[in-house]
Amino acid sequence: MSPTIARSAGENTPVRRLASHTLATVPPDATLQQVAEELAMDEIGVVVVEQGRETLGVVSERDLVAVIAAGGRLDAQATDLMTVDLVSAPEDTTVLEVARLMVDAGVRHVLVTSPAPEDDRDDGPVVGIVSMRDVVGFLLDDAV
């Protein structure tokens, strides 16, 4: 398949088709050691920090590497390291739009949200996550 056709598929496919709807989550008081264990066990690159059903932030493998490189302690809590400026996209956003969002924001994971109620300006709840690997894999599969 030509790059033009792959681009077309990316322009027409909603990200909900690629998103993992099973989120790896940790509570805010999880230690960075526990976060690292969750990442290793699930073979993933990011965990979502949640309290109840509220998404507070994310901790990525890059965050953990930075802590270790700086001589930080793995007994610190997830809230000490988590990213709170979350990059998200509604589930009907196209794959190509999410790819552009990842590049522009310099991230490898985007939270996928359900549509917000019409009277609400914020995104709806987090319903999944999509990784750069998911996006590139989709575009490559579509290109061959």
Protein backbone atom coordinates (compact mmCIF):
# COMPACT_ATOMS: atom_id res chain seq x y z
CA MET A 1 0.00 0.00 0.00
CA SER A 2 1.33 3.44 -0.83
CA PRO A 3 2.06 6.09 1.82
CA THR A 4 -0.91 8.05 0.44
CA ILE A 5 -3.29 5.16 1.15
CA ALA A 6 -1.77 4.62 4.63
CA ARG A 7 -2.20 8.33 5.32
CA SER A 8 -5.80 8.07 4.19
CA ALA A 9 -6.42 5.19 6.61
CA GLY A 10 -4.85 7.26 9.40
CA GLU A 11 -7.07 10.20 8.50
CA ASN A 12 -10.20 8.07 8.59
CA THR A 13 -9.62 5.73 11.54
CA PRO A 14 -10.65 6.84 15.04
CA VAL A 15 -8.03 6.31 17.72
CA ARG A 16 -10.50 4.25 19.78
CA ARG A 17 -9.77 1.36 17.37
CA LEU A 18 -6.12 1.31 18.50
CA ALA A 19 -6.41 2.29 22.14
CA SER A 20 -5.86 -0.17 24.91
CA HIS A 21 -8.95 -0.03 27.08
CA THR A 22 -7.21 -1.75 29.97
CA LEU A 23 -5.21 0.89 31.80
CA ALA A 24 -2.33 0.04 34.09
CA THR A 25 -3.02 2.15 37.14
CA VAL A 26 -1.38 2.84 40.48
CA PRO A 27 -2.63 4.77 43.49
CA PRO A 28 -1.04 8.14 44.33
CA ASP A 29 0.90 6.64 47.26
CA ALA A 30 2.51 3.89 45.15
CA THR A 31 6.29 3.99 45.40
CA LEU A 32 8.42 4.43 42.32
CA GLN A 33 9.63 0.88 42.95
CA GLN A 34 6.02 -0.31 42.64
CA VAL A 35 5.56 1.78 39.50
CA ALA A 36 8.69 0.19 37.99
CA GLU A 37 7.41 -3.27 38.89
CA GLU A 38 4.06 -2.54 37.21
CA LEU A 39 5.79 -1.28 34.06
CA ALA A 40 8.01 -4.37 33.92
CA MET A 41 5.22 -6.84 34.69
CA ASP A 42 2.88 -5.45 32.03
CA GLU A 43 5.72 -4.67 29.57
CA ILE A 44 4.44 -1.13 29.08
CA GLY A 45 5.90 2.37 29.08
CA VAL A 46 3.48 4.33 31.27
CA VAL A 47 1.11 3.92 34.22
CA VAL A 48 -1.82 6.12 35.10
CA VAL A 49 -1.96 7.49 38.63
CA GLU A 50 -5.57 7.33 39.80
CA GLN A 51 -7.44 8.06 42.97
CA GLY A 52 -10.83 6.42 42.80
CA ARG A 53 -11.95 7.09 39.24
CA GLU A 54 -10.05 10.38 38.96
CA THR A 55 -6.94 10.49 36.77
CA LEU A 56 -4.26 12.50 38.57
CA GLY A 57 -1.28 12.00 36.28
CA VAL A 58 1.02 9.52 34.57
CA VAL A 59 4.48 8.14 35.28
CA SER A 60 6.53 6.91 32.33
CA GLU A 61 9.60 4.76 32.03
CA ARG A 62 11.49 7.89 30.95
CA ASP A 63 10.47 9.56 34.22
CA LEU A 64 11.88 6.62 36.18
CA VAL A 65 15.14 6.61 34.22
CA ALA A 66 15.59 10.32 34.96
CA VAL A 67 15.09 9.69 38.70
CA ILE A 68 17.60 6.84 38.73
CA ALA A 69 20.14 8.82 36.69
CA ALA A 70 19.88 11.69 39.17
CA GLY A 71 20.41 9.33 42.12
CA GLY A 72 16.79 9.63 43.22
CA ARG A 73 15.06 7.27 45.58
CA LEU A 74 12.66 4.58 44.45
CA ASP A 75 10.75 4.84 47.72
CA ALA A 76 9.37 8.24 46.67
CA GLN A 77 5.69 8.30 45.77
CA ALA A 78 4.20 8.37 42.30
CA THR A 79 2.77 11.82 43.04
CA ASP A 80 6.32 13.13 43.50
CA LEU A 81 7.19 12.31 39.90
CA MET A 82 3.98 12.09 37.91
CA THR A 83 3.25 14.33 34.97
CA VAL A 84 0.07 16.27 35.60
CA ASP A 85 -0.12 18.17 32.30
CA LEU A 86 -1.74 15.25 30.52
CA VAL A 87 -1.91 14.87 26.77
CA SER A 88 -5.28 13.45 25.79
CA ALA A 89 -7.56 13.12 22.80
CA PRO A 90 -11.24 12.26 22.46
CA GLU A 91 -11.82 8.72 21.21
CA ASP A 92 -13.12 9.94 17.84
CA THR A 93 -9.84 11.75 17.06
CA THR A 94 -8.17 10.25 14.00
CA VAL A 95 -4.99 8.20 14.22
CA LEU A 96 -3.17 10.77 12.10
CA GLU A 97 -4.27 13.60 14.43
CA VAL A 98 -3.01 11.63 17.44
CA ALA A 99 0.32 10.98 15.69
CA ARG A 100 0.70 14.73 15.10
CA LEU A 101 -0.27 15.42 18.72
CA MET A 102 2.42 13.00 19.95
CA VAL A 103 5.09 14.61 17.79
CA ASP A 104 4.08 18.17 18.70
CA ALA A 105 3.86 17.41 22.45
CA GLY A 106 6.99 15.21 22.50
CA VAL A 107 5.18 12.29 24.13
CA ARG A 108 4.90 8.58 23.41
CA HIS A 109 1.50 8.02 25.05
CA VAL A 110 -1.83 9.79 24.74
CA LEU A 111 -4.79 9.23 27.03
CA VAL A 112 -8.01 8.54 25.14
CA THR A 113 -11.13 10.12 26.58
CA SER A 114 -14.82 9.61 26.04
CA PRO A 115 -16.74 12.57 24.69
CA ALA A 116 -17.45 15.23 27.26
CA PRO A 117 -21.03 16.24 27.92
CA GLU A 118 -22.00 19.12 25.63
CA ASP A 119 -22.13 21.60 28.50
CA ASP A 120 -18.66 20.62 29.77
CA ARG A 121 -15.48 22.11 28.29
CA ASP A 122 -13.19 19.45 29.74
CA ASP A 123 -12.58 16.05 28.21
CA GLY A 124 -14.71 13.17 29.40
CA PRO A 125 -13.26 10.37 31.52
CA VAL A 126 -10.17 8.46 30.42
CA VAL A 127 -11.28 5.29 28.63
CA GLY A 128 -7.98 4.09 27.17
CA ILE A 129 -4.44 4.87 26.16
CA VAL A 130 -2.60 4.75 22.86
CA SER A 131 1.15 4.51 22.42
CA MET A 132 3.48 5.60 19.67
CA ARG A 133 4.03 1.89 18.99
CA ASP A 134 0.28 1.43 18.43
CA VAL A 135 0.14 4.35 16.00
CA VAL A 136 3.27 3.41 14.04
CA GLY A 137 2.22 -0.24 13.94
CA PHE A 138 -1.18 0.70 12.55
CA LEU A 139 0.30 2.97 9.90
CA LEU A 140 2.89 0.35 8.90
CA ASP A 141 0.32 -2.45 8.74
CA ASP A 142 -1.84 -0.26 6.58
CA ALA A 143 1.09 0.63 4.30
CA VAL A 144 1.88 -2.97 3.32
